[in-house]
Protein backbone atom coordinates (compact mmCIF):
# COMPACT_ATOMS: atom_id res chain seq x y z
CA MET A 1 0.00 0.00 0.00
CA SER A 2 1.33 3.43 -0.94
CA SER A 3 2.20 5.83 1.86
CA ASP A 4 2.22 8.97 -0.25
CA LEU A 5 1.65 12.14 1.77
CA HIS A 6 -1.23 14.34 0.55
CA VAL A 7 -1.78 17.95 1.58
CA ASP A 8 -5.22 18.80 0.20
CA GLY A 9 -6.57 22.36 0.11
CA VAL A 10 -4.96 23.30 3.41
CA THR A 11 -5.59 26.81 4.75
CA LYS A 12 -4.48 28.22 8.11
CA HIS A 13 -5.69 31.44 9.73
CA PHE A 14 -4.11 33.13 12.74
CA GLY A 15 -6.76 35.69 13.61
CA ASP A 16 -7.12 37.91 10.54
CA VAL A 17 -3.86 36.64 9.02
CA ARG A 18 -4.07 33.89 6.40
CA ALA A 19 -0.67 32.23 6.80
CA VAL A 20 -1.40 29.37 4.38
CA ASP A 21 -3.92 29.76 1.57
CA ASP A 22 -5.41 26.69 -0.14
CA VAL A 23 -2.17 24.72 -0.49
CA SER A 24 -2.26 21.29 -2.15
CA PHE A 25 0.59 18.95 -3.07
CA THR A 26 1.57 15.29 -2.91
CA VAL A 27 4.86 13.88 -1.64
CA GLU A 28 5.52 10.46 -3.12
CA GLU A 29 6.73 7.78 -0.72
CA GLY A 30 10.53 7.66 -0.42
CA THR A 31 11.21 11.06 -2.00
CA PHE A 32 12.93 14.21 -0.75
CA VAL A 33 10.63 17.23 -1.16
CA THR A 34 11.57 20.75 -0.07
CA LEU A 35 9.20 23.58 0.85
CA LEU A 36 11.11 26.68 -0.22
CA GLY A 37 10.36 30.35 0.17
CA PRO A 38 11.19 33.58 2.01
CA SER A 39 10.45 34.20 5.68
CA GLY A 40 6.72 34.45 6.33
CA CYS A 41 5.66 32.58 3.19
CA GLY A 42 3.89 29.78 5.11
CA LYS A 43 6.37 26.93 4.71
CA THR A 44 6.96 26.23 8.41
CA THR A 45 3.24 26.54 9.19
CA THR A 46 2.55 23.98 6.45
CA LEU A 47 5.17 21.65 7.92
CA ARG A 48 3.70 22.03 11.41
CA MET A 49 0.25 21.10 10.08
CA ILE A 50 1.73 17.93 8.59
CA ALA A 51 3.39 17.21 11.95
CA GLY A 52 0.24 17.92 13.97
CA TYR A 53 1.53 20.95 15.89
CA GLU A 54 -1.01 23.12 14.07
CA THR A 55 -4.53 22.21 12.96
CA PRO A 56 -5.69 23.41 9.53
CA THR A 57 -8.52 25.91 9.45
CA THR A 58 -9.72 24.05 6.37
CA GLY A 59 -8.30 21.20 4.31
CA ARG A 60 -6.96 17.72 5.01
CA VAL A 61 -3.64 15.94 5.50
CA THR A 62 -3.54 12.24 4.66
CA LEU A 63 -0.83 9.58 4.61
CA GLY A 64 -1.80 6.88 2.19
CA ASP A 65 -5.44 6.10 3.04
CA ARG A 66 -5.09 7.41 6.61
CA ASP A 67 -6.50 10.82 7.46
CA ILE A 68 -4.11 12.33 10.04
CA THR A 69 -5.54 15.86 10.01
CA ASP A 70 -6.82 15.75 13.58
CA GLU A 71 -4.33 13.29 15.07
CA LYS A 72 -1.91 14.42 17.78
CA PRO A 73 1.80 14.58 16.82
CA TYR A 74 2.63 11.45 18.83
CA GLN A 75 -0.16 9.52 17.10
CA ARG A 76 1.20 10.15 13.60
CA PRO A 77 3.85 8.00 11.85
CA THR A 78 5.93 11.17 11.44
CA SER A 79 8.86 12.72 13.27
CA MET A 80 10.22 16.27 13.22
CA VAL A 81 13.70 17.78 13.43
CA PHE A 82 13.49 21.36 14.70
CA GLN A 83 15.71 24.29 13.72
CA SER A 84 16.83 24.67 17.36
CA TYR A 85 17.37 20.85 17.66
CA ALA A 86 15.33 20.92 20.94
CA LEU A 87 17.74 18.53 22.69
CA PHE A 88 17.51 17.99 26.45
CA PRO A 89 20.67 19.58 27.95
CA HIS A 90 20.40 17.57 31.18
CA LYS A 91 20.26 14.21 29.40
CA THR A 92 23.09 12.25 27.80
CA VAL A 93 23.33 11.60 24.09
CA GLY A 94 21.90 8.13 24.55
CA GLU A 95 19.02 9.41 26.65
CA ASN A 96 18.21 12.09 24.07
CA VAL A 97 18.26 9.68 21.16
CA GLY A 98 16.27 7.03 23.02
CA PHE A 99 13.65 9.42 24.43
CA GLY A 100 10.99 8.66 21.82
CA LEU A 101 11.52 4.92 22.23
CA LYS A 102 11.13 5.24 26.00
CA MET A 103 7.88 7.15 25.57
CA ARG A 104 6.67 4.25 23.40
CA ASP A 105 7.55 1.76 26.15
CA VAL A 106 10.24 0.02 24.11
CA PRO A 107 12.17 -2.32 26.49
CA SER A 108 15.54 -0.96 27.61
CA GLU A 109 17.59 -3.71 25.95
CA GLU A 110 15.88 -3.14 22.59
CA ARG A 111 16.14 0.62 23.12
CA ASP A 112 19.90 0.46 23.71
CA ARG A 113 20.39 -1.66 20.60
CA ARG A 114 18.44 0.72 18.36
CA VAL A 115 20.16 3.78 19.82
CA ALA A 116 23.58 2.24 19.12
CA GLU A 117 22.55 1.39 15.54
CA ILE A 118 21.27 4.86 14.74
CA LEU A 119 24.36 6.53 16.26
CA GLU A 120 26.46 4.35 13.98
CA LEU A 121 24.34 5.49 11.03
CA VAL A 122 24.89 9.20 11.79
CA GLU A 123 28.62 8.55 12.33
CA LEU A 124 28.67 9.18 16.09
CA PRO A 125 29.19 5.65 17.45
CA GLY A 126 29.98 5.17 21.12
CA THR A 127 28.79 8.60 22.22
CA GLU A 128 25.84 7.38 24.30
CA ASP A 129 27.31 8.63 27.61
CA ARG A 130 28.49 12.04 26.43
CA ALA A 131 26.82 15.25 27.57
CA ILE A 132 25.04 17.37 24.97
CA ASP A 133 27.10 20.47 25.77
CA GLU A 134 30.28 18.54 24.90
CA LEU A 135 29.17 18.29 21.27
CA SER A 136 29.77 20.69 18.41
CA GLY A 137 26.88 22.26 16.50
CA GLY A 138 27.24 19.71 13.71
CA GLN A 139 27.27 16.82 16.18
CA GLN A 140 24.17 18.15 17.94
CA GLN A 141 22.42 18.33 14.59
CA ARG A 142 23.24 14.66 14.01
CA ILE A 143 21.89 13.74 17.45
CA ALA A 144 18.63 15.58 16.71
CA LEU A 145 18.42 13.68 13.43
CA ALA A 146 19.17 10.36 15.14
CA ARG A 147 16.47 10.99 17.77
CA SER A 148 13.88 11.51 15.01
CA LEU A 149 15.01 8.54 12.91
CA VAL A 150 15.30 5.97 15.72
CA ILE A 151 11.50 5.71 16.06
CA GLU A 152 11.37 4.65 12.40
CA PRO A 153 8.89 7.23 11.06
CA GLU A 154 7.25 6.92 7.67
CA VAL A 155 7.82 10.63 7.07
CA LEU A 156 10.63 12.77 8.49
CA LEU A 157 9.89 16.51 8.71
CA LEU A 158 12.84 18.90 8.92
CA ASP A 159 12.47 22.61 9.72
CA GLU A 160 15.67 24.38 8.57
CA PRO A 161 17.84 21.94 10.55
CA LEU A 162 21.12 23.23 9.08
CA GLY A 163 20.46 26.92 9.75
CA ALA A 164 22.80 27.17 12.76
CA LEU A 165 25.80 25.55 11.05
CA ASP A 166 28.69 27.36 9.40
CA LEU A 167 28.79 27.40 5.59
CA LYS A 168 31.33 24.60 5.06
CA LEU A 169 29.67 22.21 7.53
CA ARG A 170 26.26 23.11 6.13
CA LYS A 171 27.33 22.11 2.62
CA ASN A 172 28.78 18.83 3.90
CA MET A 173 25.61 18.04 5.81
CA GLN A 174 23.45 18.73 2.75
CA VAL A 175 25.15 15.89 0.90
CA GLU A 176 25.11 13.61 3.95
CA LEU A 177 21.40 14.20 4.56
CA LYS A 178 20.51 13.39 0.96
CA ASP A 179 22.68 10.25 1.06
CA LEU A 180 21.03 9.18 4.33
CA GLN A 181 17.54 9.70 2.92
CA GLU A 182 18.36 7.59 -0.13
CA GLU A 183 19.92 4.86 2.05
CA LEU A 184 16.92 4.64 4.40
CA GLY A 185 14.23 5.20 1.78
CA ILE A 186 12.23 7.39 4.17
CA THR A 187 10.10 10.25 2.88
CA PHE A 188 11.71 13.61 3.77
CA VAL A 189 9.81 16.91 3.80
CA TYR A 190 12.33 19.68 4.29
CA VAL A 191 11.83 23.41 4.94
CA THR A 192 14.41 26.01 3.97
CA HIS A 193 14.76 29.55 2.62
CA ASP A 194 18.14 28.65 1.07
CA GLN A 195 17.77 28.21 -2.69
CA GLU A 196 21.12 26.47 -3.18
CA GLU A 197 20.28 24.02 -0.40
CA ALA A 198 16.96 23.18 -2.04
CA LEU A 199 18.55 22.68 -5.46
CA THR A 200 21.28 20.45 -3.98
CA MET A 201 19.10 18.09 -1.96
CA SER A 202 15.62 17.83 -3.42
CA ASP A 203 13.84 15.44 -5.74
CA GLU A 204 11.10 18.07 -5.97
CA ILE A 205 10.73 21.66 -4.78
CA VAL A 206 7.50 23.40 -3.77
CA ILE A 207 7.96 27.18 -3.82
CA LEU A 208 5.67 29.14 -1.51
CA ASN A 209 5.00 32.88 -1.56
CA ASP A 210 2.43 34.74 0.55
CA GLY A 211 0.93 31.46 1.71
CA ARG A 212 0.34 30.04 -1.78
CA ILE A 213 2.25 27.75 -4.13
CA GLU A 214 4.03 29.70 -6.87
CA GLN A 215 5.50 26.69 -8.64
CA ARG A 216 6.52 23.10 -8.01
CA GLY A 217 8.80 20.78 -9.94
CA THR A 218 12.22 19.19 -10.04
CA PRO A 219 15.22 21.42 -9.27
CA ALA A 220 16.04 21.56 -13.00
CA GLU A 221 12.47 22.51 -13.93
CA ILE A 222 12.29 25.21 -11.28
CA TYR A 223 15.65 26.74 -12.23
CA GLU A 224 15.53 26.39 -15.99
CA SER A 225 11.83 27.10 -16.57
CA PRO A 226 10.48 29.58 -14.00
CA ARG A 227 6.86 30.52 -14.60
CA THR A 228 6.64 33.73 -12.59
CA ARG A 229 8.83 36.72 -11.89
CA PHE A 230 8.99 35.77 -8.21
CA VAL A 231 10.40 32.31 -8.98
CA ALA A 232 12.87 33.64 -11.54
CA GLU A 233 14.23 36.20 -9.06
CA PHE A 234 14.14 33.96 -5.99
CA ILE A 235 15.98 30.98 -7.50
CA GLY A 236 19.53 31.93 -8.47
CA ASP A 237 20.60 34.94 -10.52
CA THR A 238 18.71 35.98 -13.62
CA ASN A 239 18.34 38.72 -16.19
CA LEU A 240 14.86 40.22 -16.26
CA LEU A 241 13.94 42.21 -19.35
CA ASP A 242 10.61 44.07 -19.19
CA GLY A 243 8.72 44.91 -22.35
CA THR A 244 5.66 44.42 -24.49
CA TYR A 245 4.86 40.89 -25.59
CA VAL A 246 3.70 40.70 -29.20
CA ALA A 247 2.27 37.50 -30.67
CA THR A 248 1.84 37.05 -34.43
CA ASP A 249 0.94 34.18 -36.73
CA SER A 250 4.64 33.57 -37.39
CA GLY A 251 5.85 33.73 -33.78
CA ALA A 252 6.33 36.07 -30.84
CA TYR A 253 8.75 38.77 -29.79
CA LEU A 254 9.41 41.24 -26.99
CA GLU A 255 9.65 44.99 -27.53
CA CYS A 256 12.07 46.15 -24.85
CA GLY A 257 12.72 49.87 -25.26
CA SER A 258 14.98 50.26 -28.28
CA VAL A 259 15.64 46.51 -28.37
CA GLU A 260 13.39 43.90 -29.97
CA PHE A 261 14.00 40.14 -30.03
CA PRO A 262 12.07 36.90 -30.67
CA VAL A 263 10.82 34.71 -27.79
CA GLU A 264 9.06 31.38 -27.51
CA PRO A 265 5.26 31.85 -27.75
CA ASN A 266 3.49 31.50 -24.41
CA PRO A 267 -0.24 30.58 -24.62
CA ALA A 268 -0.83 32.16 -21.19
CA ALA A 269 0.48 35.55 -22.31
CA GLU A 270 -1.74 38.06 -24.11
CA SER A 271 -0.38 39.96 -27.09
CA GLY A 272 0.21 43.60 -26.15
CA ALA A 273 0.68 42.77 -22.45
CA THR A 274 3.57 44.20 -20.46
CA LEU A 275 5.57 41.34 -19.01
CA SER A 276 9.09 40.08 -18.29
CA VAL A 277 11.49 37.62 -19.84
CA SER A 278 14.01 35.73 -17.69
CA ILE A 279 17.41 34.69 -19.06
CA ARG A 280 19.95 33.02 -16.77
CA PRO A 281 23.40 34.71 -16.87
CA GLU A 282 25.20 31.47 -17.80
CA LYS A 283 22.95 31.20 -20.88
CA VAL A 284 24.21 34.57 -22.15
CA SER A 285 27.48 34.23 -24.04
CA LEU A 286 29.69 37.26 -24.60
CA GLU A 287 32.10 38.09 -27.39
CA GLU A 288 34.31 41.14 -27.66
CA SER A 289 33.23 43.07 -30.75
CA ALA A 290 34.42 46.28 -32.32
CA ALA A 291 31.72 46.30 -34.99
CA ARG A 292 28.15 47.13 -33.98
CA ASN A 293 26.39 44.92 -36.47
CA GLY A 294 24.50 42.53 -34.22
CA GLY A 295 21.34 40.87 -35.41
CA SER A 296 18.96 38.10 -34.43
CA THR A 297 17.64 35.04 -36.22
CA GLU A 298 14.56 32.96 -35.50
CA THR A 299 16.47 30.91 -32.92
CA ASP A 300 19.55 32.93 -31.87
CA ILE A 301 19.41 36.41 -30.40
CA THR A 302 22.49 38.55 -30.95
CA LEU A 303 22.76 42.10 -29.61
CA ASP A 304 25.60 44.61 -29.42
CA GLY A 305 26.37 46.50 -26.26
CA VAL A 306 29.00 48.05 -24.00
CA VAL A 307 30.61 46.48 -20.93
CA ASP A 308 29.50 48.41 -17.82
CA ASP A 309 31.27 46.41 -15.13
CA VAL A 310 33.20 43.19 -14.53
CA ILE A 311 32.79 41.45 -11.16
CA TYR A 312 35.52 38.87 -10.58
CA GLN A 313 34.53 36.01 -8.24
CA GLY A 314 37.42 33.61 -8.63
CA ASN A 315 36.30 30.78 -10.89
CA VAL A 316 33.54 32.87 -12.47
CA ALA A 317 33.05 36.48 -13.50
CA LYS A 318 29.79 38.43 -13.83
CA ILE A 319 30.00 40.81 -16.78
CA HIS A 320 27.41 43.61 -16.84
CA VAL A 321 26.55 44.78 -20.36
CA ARG A 322 24.54 47.87 -21.30
CA ILE A 323 22.26 47.29 -24.31
CA GLY A 324 20.17 50.33 -25.16
CA ASP A 325 18.07 51.11 -22.09
CA SER A 326 18.59 47.66 -20.57
CA GLU A 327 21.36 45.80 -18.76
CA LEU A 328 22.28 42.13 -19.07
CA ILE A 329 24.63 40.02 -16.99
CA SER A 330 26.74 37.35 -18.66
CA GLU A 331 28.43 34.73 -16.49
CA ARG A 332 31.75 33.39 -17.69
CA HIS A 333 34.00 30.69 -16.25
CA VAL A 334 37.41 32.23 -15.66
CA VAL A 335 40.52 30.45 -16.89
CA ASN A 336 42.74 33.52 -16.86
CA SER A 337 41.60 36.80 -15.32
CA THR A 338 43.64 38.77 -17.85
CA ASP A 339 41.28 37.54 -20.59
CA LEU A 340 38.27 39.37 -19.14
CA PRO A 341 36.87 42.39 -21.01
CA THR A 342 37.38 45.88 -19.65
CA PRO A 343 34.58 48.29 -18.70
CA GLY A 344 33.76 50.60 -21.58
CA SER A 345 34.67 48.12 -24.30
CA GLU A 346 32.22 47.15 -27.01
CA CYS A 347 30.91 43.61 -26.99
CA ARG A 348 28.24 41.33 -28.34
CA VAL A 349 25.88 39.13 -26.31
CA ARG A 350 24.13 36.07 -27.60
CA TRP A 351 21.54 33.58 -26.30
CA THR A 352 19.20 30.98 -27.73
CA LYS A 353 15.48 31.77 -27.86
CA GLU A 354 14.57 28.64 -25.87
CA HIS A 355 16.61 29.96 -22.92
CA ALA A 356 14.41 33.06 -22.59
CA ASP A 357 11.42 32.26 -20.37
CA VAL A 358 8.32 34.42 -20.81
CA LEU A 359 6.91 35.15 -17.33
CA VAL A 360 3.18 35.68 -17.15
CA GLU A 361 2.98 36.91 -13.53
């Protein structure tokens, strides 16, 4: 029997504030799904409704055929890792990890065996008798994870569990968490505001904004094909060109000030509407050019411009180019910094029409 998690039309009010507004999505059993969005977008409230710490104003939460909407947290086959870890400072590592098993009346011998096994899994074997305050932040995070996993939940819920770690450890833990999820085959629902973290770890991303879902899809779909301006700006860097969308029998194009170029037709966009096009910087190639004879074809857009600025970031450089009334950023991998263009020099930018996403909202 499938144990897919279903969030169906869930809404949550806090007084006059609608924190979550008619949110629906499915998490397939054994997958890693991330709820991503800025602070206040409703992602943690959604997670807490799945966990049972908040009750939906309307809507249902089901796991397989089981309606868990009104069940208490301890009645659900779920477990939650909190951002603050919520470890007991007066208990040992072993007592912290085994707490949930003790509350479920698991015999002490069986409890000790399962605690030892899970500590081995999170690479902290033999630490049962250590005090919590003797552990580093990364070790405490592992203990919080072990405590949630030892009760063998069907779904593990994680609320920004890496937020307190330094950047290097955070990146290491991202890979380790994904590897652990794949090894155990447990469904993970993960909350973060960190776009890179979501892209690194997730099988699917659900982007929330103002309590509603903006877009959901695989990391590649979200990054390469944003549907709205919010998603394009929130996920990674992008070039946003505003203009008038014009659809004809032979195709579509964007009038952007003094610049005009073809785009892929979008059935959701009305001809004559003012909208934006998103082009990722790495999709924009740049060539130094002394002649200002750029032109576009049906598939390739070529425009002449002037280099405004060059931002060197080690292995990559962001090159800002002024084209008429607009500015584009081209991202280039750096082999030799002396090969970068200089501000004020003429250049030519080029991208393929399929890499320009027409945003309808």
